[in-house]
C-alpha atoms as a PDB file:
ATOM      1  CA  UNK A   1     -19.345-154.128   9.648  1.00  0.00           C
ATOM      2  CA  UNK A   2     -21.421-152.148   7.566  1.00  0.00           C
ATOM      3  CA  UNK A   3     -19.654-152.680   4.062  1.00  0.00           C
ATOM      4  CA  UNK A   4     -21.376-153.074   0.551  1.00  0.00           C
ATOM      5  CA  UNK A   5     -24.379-151.464  -0.023  1.00  0.00           C
ATOM      6  CA  UNK A   6     -25.983-150.994   3.687  1.00  0.00           C
ATOM      7  CA  UNK A   7     -23.277-148.829   4.175  1.00  0.00           C
ATOM      8  CA  UNK A   8     -24.429-145.894   6.354  1.00  0.00           C
ATOM      9  CA  UNK A   9     -22.474-143.229   4.114  1.00  0.00           C
ATOM     10  CA  UNK A  10     -24.647-144.805   1.479  1.00  0.00           C
ATOM     11  CA  UNK A  11     -28.139-145.187   2.754  1.00  0.00           C
ATOM     12  CA  UNK A  12     -27.487-141.587   3.334  1.00  0.00           C
ATOM     13  CA  UNK A  13     -27.272-140.767   0.237  1.00  0.00           C
ATOM     14  CA  UNK A  14     -30.213-142.454  -1.312  1.00  0.00           C
ATOM     15  CA  UNK A  15     -32.436-140.722   1.403  1.00  0.00           C
ATOM     16  CA  UNK A  16     -31.583-137.358   0.176  1.00  0.00           C
ATOM     17  CA  UNK A  17     -31.455-138.706  -3.935  1.00  0.00           C
ATOM     18  CA  UNK A  18     -35.200-139.865  -2.641  1.00  0.00           C
ATOM     19  CA  UNK A  19     -35.918-136.790  -0.507  1.00  0.00           C
ATOM     20  CA  UNK A  20     -34.693-134.357  -3.396  1.00  0.00           C
ATOM     21  CA  UNK A  21     -36.703-137.142  -5.756  1.00  0.00           C
ATOM     22  CA  UNK A  22     -40.495-137.291  -3.784  1.00  0.00           C
ATOM     23  CA  UNK A  23     -40.034-134.333  -1.672  1.00  0.00           C
ATOM     24  CA  UNK A  24     -40.944-134.016   2.367  1.00  0.00           C
ATOM     25  CA  UNK A  25     -44.720-134.403   2.352  1.00  0.00           C
ATOM     26  CA  UNK A  26     -44.605-137.387  -0.118  1.00  0.00           C
ATOM     27  CA  UNK A  27     -41.863-139.640   1.801  1.00  0.00           C
ATOM     28  CA  UNK A  28     -44.258-140.482   4.624  1.00  0.00           C
ATOM     29  CA  UNK A  29     -46.898-142.068   2.330  1.00  0.00           C
ATOM     30  CA  UNK A  30     -44.060-143.971   0.781  1.00  0.00           C
ATOM     31  CA  UNK A  31     -42.840-145.392   3.856  1.00  0.00           C
ATOM     32  CA  UNK A  32     -46.283-146.225   5.256  1.00  0.00           C
ATOM     33  CA  UNK A  33     -46.929-148.039   2.386  1.00  0.00           C
ATOM     34  CA  UNK A  34     -44.024-150.241   1.889  1.00  0.00           C
ATOM     35  CA  UNK A  35     -43.929-151.090   5.683  1.00  0.00           C
ATOM     36  CA  UNK A  36     -47.663-152.193   4.547  1.00  0.00           C
ATOM     37  CA  UNK A  37     -46.412-154.204   1.789  1.00  0.00           C
ATOM     38  CA  UNK A  38     -44.247-155.894   3.672  1.00  0.00           C
ATOM     39  CA  UNK A  39     -46.379-156.188   6.335  1.00  0.00           C
ATOM     40  CA  UNK A  40     -48.707-158.359   4.386  1.00  0.00           C
ATOM     41  CA  UNK A  41     -46.059-160.552   2.159  1.00  0.00           C
ATOM     42  CA  UNK A  42     -45.197-161.918   6.107  1.00  0.00           C
ATOM     43  CA  UNK A  43     -48.628-162.415   6.339  1.00  0.00           C
ATOM     44  CA  UNK A  44     -48.456-164.600   3.415  1.00  0.00           C
ATOM     45  CA  UNK A  45     -45.751-166.609   3.376  1.00  0.00           C
ATOM     46  CA  UNK A  46     -46.674-167.567   7.498  1.00  0.00           C
ATOM     47  CA  UNK A  47     -49.803-168.055   5.903  1.00  0.00           C
ATOM     48  CA  UNK A  48     -48.274-170.269   2.783  1.00  0.00           C
ATOM     49  CA  UNK A  49     -45.658-171.909   5.691  1.00  0.00           C
ATOM     50  CA  UNK A  50     -48.513-172.671   7.868  1.00  0.00           C
ATOM     51  CA  UNK A  51     -50.815-174.130   5.457  1.00  0.00           C
ATOM     52  CA  UNK A  52     -47.649-176.519   4.088  1.00  0.00           C
ATOM     53  CA  UNK A  53     -46.921-177.287   7.764  1.00  0.00           C
ATOM     54  CA  UNK A  54     -51.294-178.815   7.795  1.00  0.00           C
ATOM     55  CA  UNK A  55     -51.278-180.574   4.793  1.00  0.00           C
ATOM     56  CA  UNK A  56     -47.709-182.020   5.966  1.00  0.00           C
ATOM     57  CA  UNK A  57     -48.338-183.450   9.267  1.00  0.00           C
ATOM     58  CA  UNK A  58     -52.532-184.386   7.740  1.00  0.00           C
ATOM     59  CA  UNK A  59     -51.008-186.671   5.212  1.00  0.00           C
ATOM     60  CA  UNK A  60     -48.217-187.839   7.941  1.00  0.00           C
ATOM     61  CA  UNK A  61     -51.346-189.083  10.089  1.00  0.00           C
ATOM     62  CA  UNK A  62     -52.623-190.582   7.460  1.00  0.00           C
ATOM     63  CA  UNK A  63     -50.216-192.507   6.474  1.00  0.00           C
ATOM     64  CA  UNK A  64     -49.475-193.766  10.605  1.00  0.00           C
ATOM     65  CA  UNK A  65     -53.769-195.311  10.203  1.00  0.00           C
ATOM     66  CA  UNK A  66     -52.973-196.979   6.795  1.00  0.00           C
ATOM     67  CA  UNK A  67     -50.209-198.772   8.865  1.00  0.00           C
ATOM     68  CA  UNK A  68     -52.145-199.726  11.587  1.00  0.00           C
ATOM     69  CA  UNK A  69     -55.368-200.789   9.239  1.00  0.00           C
END
């Protein structure tokens, strides 16, 4: 089920290496920073998608109004 890079054994090894490199005090800070970055990225992507859909809806309504005129 968990083959490849997301296998539990591999994740534990990566976590152990990160613990050795950064230490137990820095790991929560790094996790918080990564979470914040991912959240901002998702928000930006959602904004871009909504702007794109708004633009396409405006173009469709303009096209419909041009056809009726």
